[in-house]
């Protein structure tokens, strides 16, 4: 299992709902959440080792959102 963490501009429950179907049905994503209370609107994904950071970025950008990996 891997944990991927991203900064996003997903700032409301409505915007979270717009990505929910894609992330919920992705075969490599085990669990995900968006922290709307955090200034960086953190998207946290627990996934299989098959999921690549670039794939998540592409999915979120296709929905029209800003996304950037957060480094330690």
C-alpha atoms as a PDB file:
ATOM      1  CA  UNK A   1       0.000   0.000   0.000  1.00  0.00           C
ATOM      2  CA  UNK A   2       1.091   3.566  -0.716  1.00  0.00           C
ATOM      3  CA  UNK A   3      -0.187   6.899   0.569  1.00  0.00           C
ATOM      4  CA  UNK A   4      -0.249   9.796  -1.877  1.00  0.00           C
ATOM      5  CA  UNK A   5      -0.803  13.334  -0.625  1.00  0.00           C
ATOM      6  CA  UNK A   6      -1.651  16.334  -2.794  1.00  0.00           C
ATOM      7  CA  UNK A   7      -2.416  20.024  -2.449  1.00  0.00           C
ATOM      8  CA  UNK A   8      -5.586  20.920  -4.381  1.00  0.00           C
ATOM      9  CA  UNK A   9      -8.133  23.669  -4.947  1.00  0.00           C
ATOM     10  CA  UNK A  10     -11.052  21.370  -4.099  1.00  0.00           C
ATOM     11  CA  UNK A  11     -12.697  23.722  -1.598  1.00  0.00           C
ATOM     12  CA  UNK A  12     -16.277  22.562  -1.110  1.00  0.00           C
ATOM     13  CA  UNK A  13     -18.392  19.462  -0.559  1.00  0.00           C
ATOM     14  CA  UNK A  14     -19.901  19.965  -4.005  1.00  0.00           C
ATOM     15  CA  UNK A  15     -16.474  19.838  -5.618  1.00  0.00           C
ATOM     16  CA  UNK A  16     -15.601  16.723  -3.615  1.00  0.00           C
ATOM     17  CA  UNK A  17     -18.796  15.111  -4.952  1.00  0.00           C
ATOM     18  CA  UNK A  18     -17.674  15.810  -8.524  1.00  0.00           C
ATOM     19  CA  UNK A  19     -14.555  13.632  -8.095  1.00  0.00           C
ATOM     20  CA  UNK A  20     -16.195  11.011  -5.882  1.00  0.00           C
ATOM     21  CA  UNK A  21     -17.449   8.644  -8.644  1.00  0.00           C
ATOM     22  CA  UNK A  22     -14.057   8.481 -10.353  1.00  0.00           C
ATOM     23  CA  UNK A  23     -12.027   7.914  -7.187  1.00  0.00           C
ATOM     24  CA  UNK A  24     -14.527   5.514  -5.609  1.00  0.00           C
ATOM     25  CA  UNK A  25     -14.546   3.264  -8.665  1.00  0.00           C
ATOM     26  CA  UNK A  26     -10.812   3.303  -9.399  1.00  0.00           C
ATOM     27  CA  UNK A  27      -9.542  -0.234  -8.922  1.00  0.00           C
ATOM     28  CA  UNK A  28      -6.237   0.824  -7.316  1.00  0.00           C
ATOM     29  CA  UNK A  29      -7.671   3.314  -4.791  1.00  0.00           C
ATOM     30  CA  UNK A  30      -8.460   1.803  -1.407  1.00  0.00           C
ATOM     31  CA  UNK A  31      -9.479   4.940   0.504  1.00  0.00           C
ATOM     32  CA  UNK A  32      -9.380   8.669  -0.155  1.00  0.00           C
ATOM     33  CA  UNK A  33     -10.365  11.960   1.477  1.00  0.00           C
ATOM     34  CA  UNK A  34     -10.175  15.713   0.966  1.00  0.00           C
ATOM     35  CA  UNK A  35      -9.487  17.854   4.044  1.00  0.00           C
ATOM     36  CA  UNK A  36     -11.628  20.938   3.442  1.00  0.00           C
ATOM     37  CA  UNK A  37     -10.463  22.438   6.756  1.00  0.00           C
ATOM     38  CA  UNK A  38      -6.807  22.498   5.688  1.00  0.00           C
ATOM     39  CA  UNK A  39      -5.533  25.611   3.898  1.00  0.00           C
ATOM     40  CA  UNK A  40      -4.095  23.367   1.156  1.00  0.00           C
ATOM     41  CA  UNK A  41      -7.294  21.306   0.723  1.00  0.00           C
ATOM     42  CA  UNK A  42      -5.304  18.100   1.072  1.00  0.00           C
ATOM     43  CA  UNK A  43      -6.290  15.092  -1.034  1.00  0.00           C
ATOM     44  CA  UNK A  44      -5.025  11.934   0.695  1.00  0.00           C
ATOM     45  CA  UNK A  45      -5.171   8.634  -1.147  1.00  0.00           C
ATOM     46  CA  UNK A  46      -4.397   5.154   0.161  1.00  0.00           C
ATOM     47  CA  UNK A  47      -3.813   2.914  -2.819  1.00  0.00           C
ATOM     48  CA  UNK A  48      -2.161  -0.190  -4.163  1.00  0.00           C
ATOM     49  CA  UNK A  49       1.417   0.144  -5.335  1.00  0.00           C
ATOM     50  CA  UNK A  50       0.090   0.089  -8.899  1.00  0.00           C
ATOM     51  CA  UNK A  51      -1.319   3.626  -8.658  1.00  0.00           C
ATOM     52  CA  UNK A  52       1.074   6.285  -9.897  1.00  0.00           C
ATOM     53  CA  UNK A  53       1.109   9.909  -8.782  1.00  0.00           C
ATOM     54  CA  UNK A  54       0.829  11.082 -12.410  1.00  0.00           C
ATOM     55  CA  UNK A  55      -2.387   9.099 -12.893  1.00  0.00           C
ATOM     56  CA  UNK A  56      -4.043  10.854  -9.928  1.00  0.00           C
ATOM     57  CA  UNK A  57      -2.869  14.253 -11.191  1.00  0.00           C
ATOM     58  CA  UNK A  58      -4.307  13.539 -14.647  1.00  0.00           C
ATOM     59  CA  UNK A  59      -7.666  12.415 -13.204  1.00  0.00           C
ATOM     60  CA  UNK A  60      -8.060  15.506 -11.020  1.00  0.00           C
ATOM     61  CA  UNK A  61      -6.873  17.929 -13.701  1.00  0.00           C
ATOM     62  CA  UNK A  62      -9.355  16.433 -16.179  1.00  0.00           C
ATOM     63  CA  UNK A  63     -12.093  17.507 -13.744  1.00  0.00           C
ATOM     64  CA  UNK A  64     -10.725  21.065 -13.887  1.00  0.00           C
ATOM     65  CA  UNK A  65      -8.976  21.225 -10.527  1.00  0.00           C
ATOM     66  CA  UNK A  66      -5.486  22.312  -9.527  1.00  0.00           C
ATOM     67  CA  UNK A  67      -3.411  19.529  -7.963  1.00  0.00           C
ATOM     68  CA  UNK A  68       0.204  19.313  -6.883  1.00  0.00           C
ATOM     69  CA  UNK A  69       2.043  16.604  -4.943  1.00  0.00           C
ATOM     70  CA  UNK A  70       2.984  17.563  -1.392  1.00  0.00           C
ATOM     71  CA  UNK A  71       6.535  16.726  -0.526  1.00  0.00           C
ATOM     72  CA  UNK A  72       7.628  15.778   2.978  1.00  0.00           C
END
